[in-house]
PDB file of N, CA and C in Angstrom:
ATOM      1  N   MET A   1       0.859  -0.996  -0.229  1.00  0.00           N
ATOM      2  CA  MET A   1       0.099  -0.106   0.037  1.00  0.00           C
ATOM      3  C   MET A   1       0.905   1.364   0.040  1.00  0.00           C
ATOM      4  N   THR A   2       1.760   1.115   0.484  1.00  0.00           N
ATOM      5  CA  THR A   2       2.944   2.224   0.851  1.00  0.00           C
ATOM      6  C   THR A   2       3.195   2.981  -0.651  1.00  0.00           C
ATOM      7  N   ASP A   3       3.514   1.966  -1.499  1.00  0.00           N
ATOM      8  CA  ASP A   3       3.899   2.174  -2.612  1.00  0.00           C
ATOM      9  C   ASP A   3       2.960   3.104  -3.592  1.00  0.00           C
ATOM     10  N   ALA A   4       1.575   2.809  -3.366  1.00  0.00           N
ATOM     11  CA  ALA A   4       0.755   3.380  -4.216  1.00  0.00           C
ATOM     12  C   ALA A   4       0.644   4.819  -3.750  1.00  0.00           C
ATOM     13  N   LEU A   5       1.137   5.038  -2.568  1.00  0.00           N
ATOM     14  CA  LEU A   5       0.840   6.543  -2.095  1.00  0.00           C
ATOM     15  C   LEU A   5       1.559   7.460  -2.510  1.00  0.00           C
ATOM     16  N   PHE A   6       2.979   7.102  -3.312  1.00  0.00           N
ATOM     17  CA  PHE A   6       4.111   7.889  -3.739  1.00  0.00           C
ATOM     18  C   PHE A   6       4.097   7.645  -5.067  1.00  0.00           C
ATOM     19  N   PRO A   7       4.561   8.683  -5.755  1.00  0.00           N
ATOM     20  CA  PRO A   7       4.949  10.113  -5.776  1.00  0.00           C
ATOM     21  C   PRO A   7       3.528  10.778  -5.764  1.00  0.00           C
ATOM     22  N   PHE A   8       3.272  11.764  -5.261  1.00  0.00           N
ATOM     23  CA  PHE A   8       2.203  12.942  -5.261  1.00  0.00           C
ATOM     24  C   PHE A   8       2.443  13.971  -5.041  1.00  0.00           C
ATOM     25  N   GLU A   9       1.608  15.097  -5.649  1.00  0.00           N
ATOM     26  CA  GLU A   9       1.592  16.607  -5.740  1.00  0.00           C
ATOM     27  C   GLU A   9       1.379  17.064  -4.446  1.00  0.00           C
ATOM     28  N   LEU A  10       1.990  18.228  -3.897  1.00  0.00           N
ATOM     29  CA  LEU A  10       1.660  18.969  -2.880  1.00  0.00           C
ATOM     30  C   LEU A  10       2.183  20.310  -2.663  1.00  0.00           C
ATOM     31  N   ASP A  11       1.067  21.202  -2.887  1.00  0.00           N
ATOM     32  CA  ASP A  11       1.623  22.562  -3.075  1.00  0.00           C
ATOM     33  C   ASP A  11       2.762  22.953  -4.078  1.00  0.00           C
ATOM     34  N   GLY A  12       2.847  22.477  -4.992  1.00  0.00           N
ATOM     35  CA  GLY A  12       3.928  22.688  -5.950  1.00  0.00           C
ATOM     36  C   GLY A  12       5.239  22.192  -5.648  1.00  0.00           C
ATOM     37  N   VAL A  13       5.133  21.171  -4.727  1.00  0.00           N
ATOM     38  CA  VAL A  13       6.515  20.051  -4.803  1.00  0.00           C
ATOM     39  C   VAL A  13       5.716  18.676  -4.936  1.00  0.00           C
ATOM     40  N   THR A  14       6.957  17.781  -5.192  1.00  0.00           N
ATOM     41  CA  THR A  14       6.456  16.317  -5.509  1.00  0.00           C
ATOM     42  C   THR A  14       6.949  15.496  -4.177  1.00  0.00           C
ATOM     43  N   VAL A  15       5.933  15.091  -3.396  1.00  0.00           N
ATOM     44  CA  VAL A  15       6.513  14.339  -2.201  1.00  0.00           C
ATOM     45  C   VAL A  15       6.572  12.540  -2.683  1.00  0.00           C
ATOM     46  N   LEU A  16       8.121  12.419  -2.409  1.00  0.00           N
ATOM     47  CA  LEU A  16       8.713  11.309  -2.664  1.00  0.00           C
ATOM     48  C   LEU A  16       8.472  10.102  -1.596  1.00  0.00           C
ATOM     49  N   SER A  17       8.640  10.640  -0.483  1.00  0.00           N
ATOM     50  CA  SER A  17       8.639   9.872   0.570  1.00  0.00           C
ATOM     51  C   SER A  17       8.184  10.522   1.842  1.00  0.00           C
ATOM     52  N   GLU A  18       7.970  10.269   3.192  1.00  0.00           N
ATOM     53  CA  GLU A  18       7.745  10.736   4.146  1.00  0.00           C
ATOM     54  C   GLU A  18       8.853  12.230   4.503  1.00  0.00           C
ATOM     55  N   THR A  19       9.827  11.805   3.995  1.00  0.00           N
ATOM     56  CA  THR A  19      11.176  12.438   4.515  1.00  0.00           C
ATOM     57  C   THR A  19      11.648  13.364   3.072  1.00  0.00           C
ATOM     58  N   GLU A  20      11.251  12.967   1.863  1.00  0.00           N
ATOM     59  CA  GLU A  20      12.024  13.558   0.786  1.00  0.00           C
ATOM     60  C   GLU A  20      10.853  14.080  -0.160  1.00  0.00           C
ATOM     61  N   ILE A  21      11.200  15.448  -0.698  1.00  0.00           N
ATOM     62  CA  ILE A  21      10.516  16.152  -1.671  1.00  0.00           C
ATOM     63  C   ILE A  21      11.446  16.347  -2.896  1.00  0.00           C
ATOM     64  N   ARG A  22      10.709  16.506  -4.223  1.00  0.00           N
ATOM     65  CA  ARG A  22      11.277  16.852  -5.260  1.00  0.00           C
ATOM     66  C   ARG A  22      10.775  18.267  -5.412  1.00  0.00           C
ATOM     67  N   HIS A  23      11.694  19.316  -5.449  1.00  0.00           N
ATOM     68  CA  HIS A  23      11.449  20.947  -5.723  1.00  0.00           C
ATOM     69  C   HIS A  23      12.257  21.338  -6.814  1.00  0.00           C
ATOM     70  N   GLU A  24      12.063  21.854  -8.006  1.00  0.00           N
ATOM     71  CA  GLU A  24      12.834  22.663  -8.864  1.00  0.00           C
ATOM     72  C   GLU A  24      13.903  21.596  -9.425  1.00  0.00           C
ATOM     73  N   GLY A  25      13.531  20.375  -9.630  1.00  0.00           N
ATOM     74  CA  GLY A  25      14.326  19.098 -10.116  1.00  0.00           C
ATOM     75  C   GLY A  25      15.356  18.401  -9.208  1.00  0.00           C
ATOM     76  N   ARG A  26      15.176  18.932  -8.358  1.00  0.00           N
ATOM     77  CA  ARG A  26      16.013  18.263  -7.211  1.00  0.00           C
ATOM     78  C   ARG A  26      15.424  17.773  -5.963  1.00  0.00           C
ATOM     79  N   VAL A  27      16.041  16.687  -5.467  1.00  0.00           N
ATOM     80  CA  VAL A  27      15.477  15.839  -4.476  1.00  0.00           C
ATOM     81  C   VAL A  27      16.161  16.535  -3.060  1.00  0.00           C
ATOM     82  N   TRP A  28      15.216  16.787  -2.140  1.00  0.00           N
ATOM     83  CA  TRP A  28      15.530  17.395  -0.796  1.00  0.00           C
ATOM     84  C   TRP A  28      15.049  16.172   0.122  1.00  0.00           C
ATOM     85  N   THR A  29      15.633  16.367   1.370  1.00  0.00           N
ATOM     86  CA  THR A  29      15.529  15.545   2.736  1.00  0.00           C
ATOM     87  C   THR A  29      15.170  16.321   3.579  1.00  0.00           C
ATOM     88  N   ALA A  30      14.303  15.863   4.475  1.00  0.00           N
ATOM     89  CA  ALA A  30      14.136  16.729   5.638  1.00  0.00           C
ATOM     90  C   ALA A  30      15.104  16.916   6.829  1.00  0.00           C
ATOM     91  N   SER A  31      15.480  17.853   7.307  1.00  0.00           N
ATOM     92  CA  SER A  31      16.182  18.065   8.331  1.00  0.00           C
ATOM     93  C   SER A  31      15.923  19.165   9.356  1.00  0.00           C
ATOM     94  N   HIS A  32      16.774  19.370  10.029  1.00  0.00           N
ATOM     95  CA  HIS A  32      16.551  20.474  11.053  1.00  0.00           C
ATOM     96  C   HIS A  32      17.932  21.585  11.037  1.00  0.00           C
ATOM     97  N   GLY A  33      17.795  22.634  11.187  1.00  0.00           N
ATOM     98  CA  GLY A  33      19.084  23.614  11.020  1.00  0.00           C
ATOM     99  C   GLY A  33      18.785  24.850  11.070  1.00  0.00           C
ATOM    100  N   LEU A  34      19.819  25.874  10.866  1.00  0.00           N
ATOM    101  CA  LEU A  34      19.518  26.935  10.626  1.00  0.00           C
ATOM    102  C   LEU A  34      18.905  27.624   9.768  1.00  0.00           C
ATOM    103  N   LEU A  35      18.001  28.511  10.083  1.00  0.00           N
ATOM    104  CA  LEU A  35      17.172  29.255   9.247  1.00  0.00           C
ATOM    105  C   LEU A  35      17.569  30.760   8.701  1.00  0.00           C
ATOM    106  N   ARG A  36      18.116  30.807   7.729  1.00  0.00           N
ATOM    107  CA  ARG A  36      18.975  32.040   7.483  1.00  0.00           C
ATOM    108  C   ARG A  36      17.907  33.070   6.727  1.00  0.00           C
ATOM    109  N   GLY A  37      16.921  32.788   6.488  1.00  0.00           N
ATOM    110  CA  GLY A  37      16.210  33.786   5.794  1.00  0.00           C
ATOM    111  C   GLY A  37      15.293  34.285   6.540  1.00  0.00           C
ATOM    112  N   GLN A  38      14.879  33.762   7.985  1.00  0.00           N
ATOM    113  CA  GLN A  38      14.016  34.142   8.983  1.00  0.00           C
ATOM    114  C   GLN A  38      14.762  34.894  10.213  1.00  0.00           C
ATOM    115  N   PHE A  39      13.809  35.353  11.026  1.00  0.00           N
ATOM    116  CA  PHE A  39      14.236  35.895  12.185  1.00  0.00           C
ATOM    117  C   PHE A  39      12.940  35.341  13.363  1.00  0.00           C
ATOM    118  N   THR A  40      13.134  35.228  14.612  1.00  0.00           N
ATOM    119  CA  THR A  40      12.304  35.259  15.648  1.00  0.00           C
ATOM    120  C   THR A  40      12.137  36.561  16.636  1.00  0.00           C
ATOM    121  N   LEU A  41      11.051  36.951  16.630  1.00  0.00           N
ATOM    122  CA  LEU A  41      10.882  38.129  17.531  1.00  0.00           C
ATOM    123  C   LEU A  41      10.587  37.204  18.988  1.00  0.00           C
ATOM    124  N   ARG A  42      11.346  37.430  20.068  1.00  0.00           N
ATOM    125  CA  ARG A  42      10.856  36.772  21.218  1.00  0.00           C
ATOM    126  C   ARG A  42      10.662  37.691  22.426  1.00  0.00           C
ATOM    127  N   PRO A  43       9.480  37.752  23.206  1.00  0.00           N
ATOM    128  CA  PRO A  43       9.371  38.607  24.239  1.00  0.00           C
ATOM    129  C   PRO A  43      10.505  38.842  25.180  1.00  0.00           C
ATOM    130  N   GLY A  44      10.734  39.811  25.491  1.00  0.00           N
ATOM    131  CA  GLY A  44      11.576  40.101  26.786  1.00  0.00           C
ATOM    132  C   GLY A  44      11.022  39.822  27.693  1.00  0.00           C
ATOM    133  N   TRP A  45      11.849  40.335  28.943  1.00  0.00           N
ATOM    134  CA  TRP A  45      11.650  39.839  30.535  1.00  0.00           C
ATOM    135  C   TRP A  45      10.465  41.078  30.884  1.00  0.00           C
ATOM    136  N   LEU A  46       9.383  41.186  31.287  1.00  0.00           N
ATOM    137  CA  LEU A  46       8.733  42.217  31.781  1.00  0.00           C
ATOM    138  C   LEU A  46       8.417  43.414  30.782  1.00  0.00           C
ATOM    139  N   ARG A  47       8.887  44.607  31.088  1.00  0.00           N
ATOM    140  CA  ARG A  47       8.920  45.603  30.125  1.00  0.00           C
ATOM    141  C   ARG A  47      10.226  45.831  29.425  1.00  0.00           C
ATOM    142  N   GLN A  48      11.004  45.186  29.418  1.00  0.00           N
ATOM    143  CA  GLN A  48      12.391  45.422  28.550  1.00  0.00           C
ATOM    144  C   GLN A  48      12.383  45.420  27.180  1.00  0.00           C
ATOM    145  N   GLY A  49      10.960  44.985  26.598  1.00  0.00           N
ATOM    146  CA  GLY A  49      10.870  45.245  25.238  1.00  0.00           C
ATOM    147  C   GLY A  49      11.142  43.407  24.868  1.00  0.00           C
ATOM    148  N   ALA A  50      11.344  43.464  23.499  1.00  0.00           N
ATOM    149  CA  ALA A  50      11.408  42.162  22.917  1.00  0.00           C
ATOM    150  C   ALA A  50      13.346  41.916  22.131  1.00  0.00           C
ATOM    151  N   THR A  51      13.424  40.550  21.990  1.00  0.00           N
ATOM    152  CA  THR A  51      14.751  40.603  21.342  1.00  0.00           C
ATOM    153  C   THR A  51      14.322  40.022  20.116  1.00  0.00           C
ATOM    154  N   ILE A  52      15.217  40.103  19.234  1.00  0.00           N
ATOM    155  CA  ILE A  52      15.089  39.646  17.835  1.00  0.00           C
ATOM    156  C   ILE A  52      16.447  38.483  17.772  1.00  0.00           C
ATOM    157  N   GLU A  53      15.873  37.375  17.277  1.00  0.00           N
ATOM    158  CA  GLU A  53      16.869  36.150  17.619  1.00  0.00           C
ATOM    159  C   GLU A  53      17.334  35.870  16.129  1.00  0.00           C
ATOM    160  N   ASP A  54      18.326  36.488  15.436  1.00  0.00           N
ATOM    161  CA  ASP A  54      18.662  36.271  14.039  1.00  0.00           C
ATOM    162  C   ASP A  54      19.126  35.180  13.636  1.00  0.00           C
ATOM    163  N   GLU A  55      19.265  34.177  14.317  1.00  0.00           N
ATOM    164  CA  GLU A  55      19.535  32.920  13.642  1.00  0.00           C
ATOM    165  C   GLU A  55      18.667  31.831  14.387  1.00  0.00           C
ATOM    166  N   PRO A  56      17.596  31.698  14.168  1.00  0.00           N
ATOM    167  CA  PRO A  56      16.834  30.706  14.698  1.00  0.00           C
ATOM    168  C   PRO A  56      16.843  29.282  14.030  1.00  0.00           C
ATOM    169  N   GLU A  57      16.582  28.272  14.956  1.00  0.00           N
ATOM    170  CA  GLU A  57      16.634  26.924  14.226  1.00  0.00           C
ATOM    171  C   GLU A  57      15.356  26.369  13.897  1.00  0.00           C
ATOM    172  N   GLY A  58      15.114  25.466  13.100  1.00  0.00           N
ATOM    173  CA  GLY A  58      13.814  25.040  12.660  1.00  0.00           C
ATOM    174  C   GLY A  58      13.904  23.723  11.567  1.00  0.00           C
ATOM    175  N   GLU A  59      12.791  23.441  10.904  1.00  0.00           N
ATOM    176  CA  GLU A  59      12.748  22.495  10.077  1.00  0.00           C
ATOM    177  C   GLU A  59      13.350  23.218   8.772  1.00  0.00           C
ATOM    178  N   LEU A  60      14.056  22.176   7.951  1.00  0.00           N
ATOM    179  CA  LEU A  60      14.342  22.666   6.570  1.00  0.00           C
ATOM    180  C   LEU A  60      14.349  21.513   5.805  1.00  0.00           C
ATOM    181  N   TRP A  61      14.848  21.634   4.059  1.00  0.00           N
ATOM    182  CA  TRP A  61      15.151  20.731   3.561  1.00  0.00           C
ATOM    183  C   TRP A  61      16.438  20.828   3.048  1.00  0.00           C
ATOM    184  N   ILE A  62      17.146  19.750   2.907  1.00  0.00           N
ATOM    185  CA  ILE A  62      18.757  19.505   2.428  1.00  0.00           C
ATOM    186  C   ILE A  62      19.146  18.698   1.363  1.00  0.00           C
ATOM    187  N   SER A  63      19.760  19.486   0.493  1.00  0.00           N
ATOM    188  CA  SER A  63      20.428  18.557  -0.709  1.00  0.00           C
ATOM    189  C   SER A  63      21.992  18.871  -0.842  1.00  0.00           C
ATOM    190  N   ASP A  64      22.771  18.143  -0.950  1.00  0.00           N
ATOM    191  CA  ASP A  64      23.952  18.140  -1.338  1.00  0.00           C
ATOM    192  C   ASP A  64      24.662  19.140  -0.522  1.00  0.00           C
ATOM    193  N   GLY A  65      24.361  19.240   0.583  1.00  0.00           N
ATOM    194  CA  GLY A  65      25.097  20.590   1.639  1.00  0.00           C
ATOM    195  C   GLY A  65      24.202  21.663   1.318  1.00  0.00           C
ATOM    196  N   GLU A  66      23.552  21.841   0.656  1.00  0.00           N
ATOM    197  CA  GLU A  66      22.490  22.960   0.513  1.00  0.00           C
ATOM    198  C   GLU A  66      21.257  22.858   0.902  1.00  0.00           C
ATOM    199  N   THR A  67      20.631  24.318   1.761  1.00  0.00           N
ATOM    200  CA  THR A  67      19.435  24.042   2.389  1.00  0.00           C
ATOM    201  C   THR A  67      18.450  24.581   1.566  1.00  0.00           C
ATOM    202  N   LEU A  68      17.118  24.381   1.663  1.00  0.00           N
ATOM    203  CA  LEU A  68      15.893  24.964   1.143  1.00  0.00           C
ATOM    204  C   LEU A  68      15.143  25.154   2.443  1.00  0.00           C
ATOM    205  N   GLU A  69      14.735  26.286   2.752  1.00  0.00           N
ATOM    206  CA  GLU A  69      13.998  26.656   3.658  1.00  0.00           C
ATOM    207  C   GLU A  69      12.143  26.782   3.322  1.00  0.00           C
ATOM    208  N   PRO A  70      11.575  26.059   4.131  1.00  0.00           N
ATOM    209  CA  PRO A  70      10.218  26.187   3.881  1.00  0.00           C
ATOM    210  C   PRO A  70       9.670  27.784   4.134  1.00  0.00           C
ATOM    211  N   SER A  71       8.647  28.028   3.173  1.00  0.00           N
ATOM    212  CA  SER A  71       8.174  29.521   2.751  1.00  0.00           C
ATOM    213  C   SER A  71       6.848  29.698   3.643  1.00  0.00           C
ATOM    214  N   VAL A  72       6.781  29.828   4.958  1.00  0.00           N
ATOM    215  CA  VAL A  72       5.901  29.839   5.814  1.00  0.00           C
ATOM    216  C   VAL A  72       5.636  31.059   6.195  1.00  0.00           C
ATOM    217  N   GLY A  73       4.556  31.544   5.806  1.00  0.00           N
ATOM    218  CA  GLY A  73       3.936  32.861   6.329  1.00  0.00           C
ATOM    219  C   GLY A  73       4.056  34.149   5.543  1.00  0.00           C
ATOM    220  N   PRO A  74       3.566  35.109   5.833  1.00  0.00           N
ATOM    221  CA  PRO A  74       3.316  36.272   4.791  1.00  0.00           C
ATOM    222  C   PRO A  74       4.776  36.870   4.549  1.00  0.00           C
ATOM    223  N   ALA A  75       5.933  36.760   4.889  1.00  0.00           N
ATOM    224  CA  ALA A  75       7.162  37.062   4.466  1.00  0.00           C
ATOM    225  C   ALA A  75       7.623  36.778   3.461  1.00  0.00           C
ATOM    226  N   TRP A  76       6.906  35.575   3.007  1.00  0.00           N
ATOM    227  CA  TRP A  76       7.127  34.700   1.771  1.00  0.00           C
ATOM    228  C   TRP A  76       6.307  35.109   0.517  1.00  0.00           C
ATOM    229  N   VAL A  77       5.627  35.987   0.701  1.00  0.00           N
ATOM    230  CA  VAL A  77       4.456  36.426  -0.669  1.00  0.00           C
ATOM    231  C   VAL A  77       5.241  36.590  -1.664  1.00  0.00           C
ATOM    232  N   GLY A  78       4.784  35.819  -2.749  1.00  0.00           N
ATOM    233  CA  GLY A  78       5.634  36.340  -4.136  1.00  0.00           C
ATOM    234  C   GLY A  78       6.736  35.131  -4.431  1.00  0.00           C
ATOM    235  N   CYS A  79       6.942  34.349  -3.365  1.00  0.00           N
ATOM    236  CA  CYS A  79       7.830  33.259  -3.653  1.00  0.00           C
ATOM    237  C   CYS A  79       7.363  31.905  -3.877  1.00  0.00           C
ATOM    238  N   ALA A  80       8.033  30.982  -4.387  1.00  0.00           N
ATOM    239  CA  ALA A  80       7.199  29.385  -4.445  1.00  0.00           C
ATOM    240  C   ALA A  80       7.207  29.108  -3.066  1.00  0.00           C
ATOM    241  N   TYR A  81       6.096  28.401  -3.099  1.00  0.00           N
ATOM    242  CA  TYR A  81       5.519  27.843  -1.748  1.00  0.00           C
ATOM    243  C   TYR A  81       6.380  26.467  -1.537  1.00  0.00           C
ATOM    244  N   VAL A  82       7.047  26.510  -0.294  1.00  0.00           N
ATOM    245  CA  VAL A  82       7.956  24.992  -0.093  1.00  0.00           C
ATOM    246  C   VAL A  82       7.069  24.896   1.366  1.00  0.00           C
ATOM    247  N   PRO A  83       6.659  23.442   1.562  1.00  0.00           N
ATOM    248  CA  PRO A  83       5.822  23.053   2.958  1.00  0.00           C
ATOM    249  C   PRO A  83       7.213  22.591   3.942  1.00  0.00           C
ATOM    250  N   THR A  84       6.974  22.773   5.191  1.00  0.00           N
ATOM    251  CA  THR A  84       7.434  22.278   6.041  1.00  0.00           C
ATOM    252  C   THR A  84       7.713  20.612   6.346  1.00  0.00           C
ATOM    253  N   PRO A  85       8.720  20.305   6.501  1.00  0.00           N
ATOM    254  CA  PRO A  85       8.576  18.447   7.002  1.00  0.00           C
ATOM    255  C   PRO A  85       7.293  18.091   7.764  1.00  0.00           C
ATOM    256  N   SER A  86       7.143  18.867   8.709  1.00  0.00           N
ATOM    257  CA  SER A  86       5.927  18.483   9.412  1.00  0.00           C
ATOM    258  C   SER A  86       4.493  18.441   8.661  1.00  0.00           C
ATOM    259  N   TYR A  87       4.403  19.171   8.065  1.00  0.00           N
ATOM    260  CA  TYR A  87       3.284  19.354   7.062  1.00  0.00           C
ATOM    261  C   TYR A  87       3.242  18.485   6.253  1.00  0.00           C
ATOM    262  N   VAL A  88       4.255  18.230   5.502  1.00  0.00           N
ATOM    263  CA  VAL A  88       4.672  16.817   4.468  1.00  0.00           C
ATOM    264  C   VAL A  88       4.006  15.399   5.481  1.00  0.00           C
ATOM    265  N   ARG A  89       4.525  15.483   6.637  1.00  0.00           N
ATOM    266  CA  ARG A  89       4.268  14.084   7.185  1.00  0.00           C
ATOM    267  C   ARG A  89       2.599  13.982   7.652  1.00  0.00           C
ATOM    268  N   GLU A  90       2.170  15.337   8.221  1.00  0.00           N
ATOM    269  CA  GLU A  90       0.762  15.557   8.367  1.00  0.00           C
ATOM    270  C   GLU A  90      -0.222  14.930   7.175  1.00  0.00           C
ATOM    271  N   GLN A  91       0.201  15.382   5.976  1.00  0.00           N
ATOM    272  CA  GLN A  91      -0.546  15.058   4.600  1.00  0.00           C
ATOM    273  C   GLN A  91      -0.460  13.665   4.624  1.00  0.00           C
ATOM    274  N   MET A  92       0.647  13.024   4.749  1.00  0.00           N
ATOM    275  CA  MET A  92       0.986  11.550   4.787  1.00  0.00           C
ATOM    276  C   MET A  92       0.070  10.713   5.616  1.00  0.00           C
ATOM    277  N   ILE A  93      -0.089  11.140   6.997  1.00  0.00           N
ATOM    278  CA  ILE A  93      -1.171  10.550   7.696  1.00  0.00           C
ATOM    279  C   ILE A  93      -2.505  10.484   7.205  1.00  0.00           C
ATOM    280  N   ARG A  94      -2.943  11.758   6.696  1.00  0.00           N
ATOM    281  CA  ARG A  94      -4.334  12.039   6.007  1.00  0.00           C
ATOM    282  C   ARG A  94      -4.214  10.989   4.874  1.00  0.00           C
ATOM    283  N   ARG A  95      -3.454  10.900   3.977  1.00  0.00           N
ATOM    284  CA  ARG A  95      -3.536   9.813   2.848  1.00  0.00           C
ATOM    285  C   ARG A  95      -3.750   8.664   3.321  1.00  0.00           C
ATOM    286  N   ARG A  96      -2.867   8.254   4.295  1.00  0.00           N
ATOM    287  CA  ARG A  96      -2.975   6.677   4.744  1.00  0.00           C
ATOM    288  C   ARG A  96      -4.330   6.666   5.349  1.00  0.00           C
ATOM    289  N   ALA A  97      -4.980   7.581   5.982  1.00  0.00           N
ATOM    290  CA  ALA A  97      -6.534   7.490   6.649  1.00  0.00           C
ATOM    291  C   ALA A  97      -7.453   7.246   5.305  1.00  0.00           C
ATOM    292  N   GLY A  98      -7.101   8.026   4.215  1.00  0.00           N
ATOM    293  CA  GLY A  98      -8.121   8.097   3.238  1.00  0.00           C
ATOM    294  C   GLY A  98      -8.795   9.440   3.229  1.00  0.00           C
ATOM    295  N   LEU A  99      -8.247  10.322   4.045  1.00  0.00           N
ATOM    296  CA  LEU A  99      -8.684  11.684   3.927  1.00  0.00           C
ATOM    297  C   LEU A  99      -8.239  12.882   3.013  1.00  0.00           C
ATOM    298  N   PRO A 100      -8.689  13.560   2.568  1.00  0.00           N
ATOM    299  CA  PRO A 100      -8.450  14.521   1.538  1.00  0.00           C
ATOM    300  C   PRO A 100      -7.148  15.165   2.380  1.00  0.00           C
ATOM    301  N   LEU A 101      -6.269  15.858   1.286  1.00  0.00           N
ATOM    302  CA  LEU A 101      -5.222  16.880   1.764  1.00  0.00           C
ATOM    303  C   LEU A 101      -5.938  17.828   2.350  1.00  0.00           C
ATOM    304  N   ARG A 102      -5.330  18.362   3.407  1.00  0.00           N
ATOM    305  CA  ARG A 102      -5.591  19.803   4.025  1.00  0.00           C
ATOM    306  C   ARG A 102      -5.201  20.987   3.231  1.00  0.00           C
ATOM    307  N   GLU A 103      -5.871  21.980   3.076  1.00  0.00           N
ATOM    308  CA  GLU A 103      -5.549  23.082   2.413  1.00  0.00           C
ATOM    309  C   GLU A 103      -4.673  23.742   3.335  1.00  0.00           C
ATOM    310  N   ARG A 104      -3.555  24.530   2.980  1.00  0.00           N
ATOM    311  CA  ARG A 104      -2.648  25.180   3.637  1.00  0.00           C
ATOM    312  C   ARG A 104      -3.391  26.454   4.226  1.00  0.00           C
ATOM    313  N   ARG A 105      -3.159  27.099   5.240  1.00  0.00           N
ATOM    314  CA  ARG A 105      -3.725  28.020   5.921  1.00  0.00           C
ATOM    315  C   ARG A 105      -3.458  29.332   5.073  1.00  0.00           C
ATOM    316  N   TRP A 106      -2.097  29.413   4.905  1.00  0.00           N
ATOM    317  CA  TRP A 106      -1.764  30.519   4.155  1.00  0.00           C
ATOM    318  C   TRP A 106      -1.635  30.609   2.526  1.00  0.00           C
ATOM    319  N   GLN A 107      -2.400  31.442   2.056  1.00  0.00           N
ATOM    320  CA  GLN A 107      -2.624  31.385   0.656  1.00  0.00           C
ATOM    321  C   GLN A 107      -1.985  32.421  -0.142  1.00  0.00           C
ATOM    322  N   GLU A 108      -1.602  32.128  -1.441  1.00  0.00           N
ATOM    323  CA  GLU A 108      -0.876  33.438  -2.302  1.00  0.00           C
ATOM    324  C   GLU A 108      -2.159  34.413  -2.079  1.00  0.00           C
ATOM    325  N   ILE A 109      -1.584  35.627  -2.053  1.00  0.00           N
ATOM    326  CA  ILE A 109      -2.453  37.063  -2.115  1.00  0.00           C
ATOM    327  C   ILE A 109      -2.634  37.256  -3.758  1.00  0.00           C
ATOM    328  N   PRO A 110      -3.838  37.243  -4.091  1.00  0.00           N
ATOM    329  CA  PRO A 110      -4.347  37.488  -5.626  1.00  0.00           C
ATOM    330  C   PRO A 110      -3.720  39.021  -6.032  1.00  0.00           C
ATOM    331  N   GLY A 111      -3.382  39.015  -7.251  1.00  0.00           N
ATOM    332  CA  GLY A 111      -2.922  40.030  -8.073  1.00  0.00           C
ATOM    333  C   GLY A 111      -1.415  40.395  -7.666  1.00  0.00           C
ATOM    334  N   GLN A 112      -0.692  39.597  -7.219  1.00  0.00           N
ATOM    335  CA  GLN A 112       0.718  40.026  -6.787  1.00  0.00           C
ATOM    336  C   GLN A 112       1.437  38.972  -7.470  1.00  0.00           C
TER     337      GLN A 112
END
């Protein structure tokens, strides 16, 4: 049954397995590491304001030593959508259960 699940299209990428996608002709493997194109705003203690963590870590895709960051949130408007590894795993659970794929919450803004 597992073979019948793969490959399938998901939001512009081809899912090859629970941990691999094909994007722009390359195979990417799920990983965890430094997210260079993002930052995290963390609340400071009481009234000291907030701190910007400019080297956050999180889910990403890796291929031949290069990284591909998921395009999550409005900061990525206009860029090709790349799902997170956990979103791909969630969709695999839905497919195995015979449920339809979940629509992503963030959609492209029309007219851009």
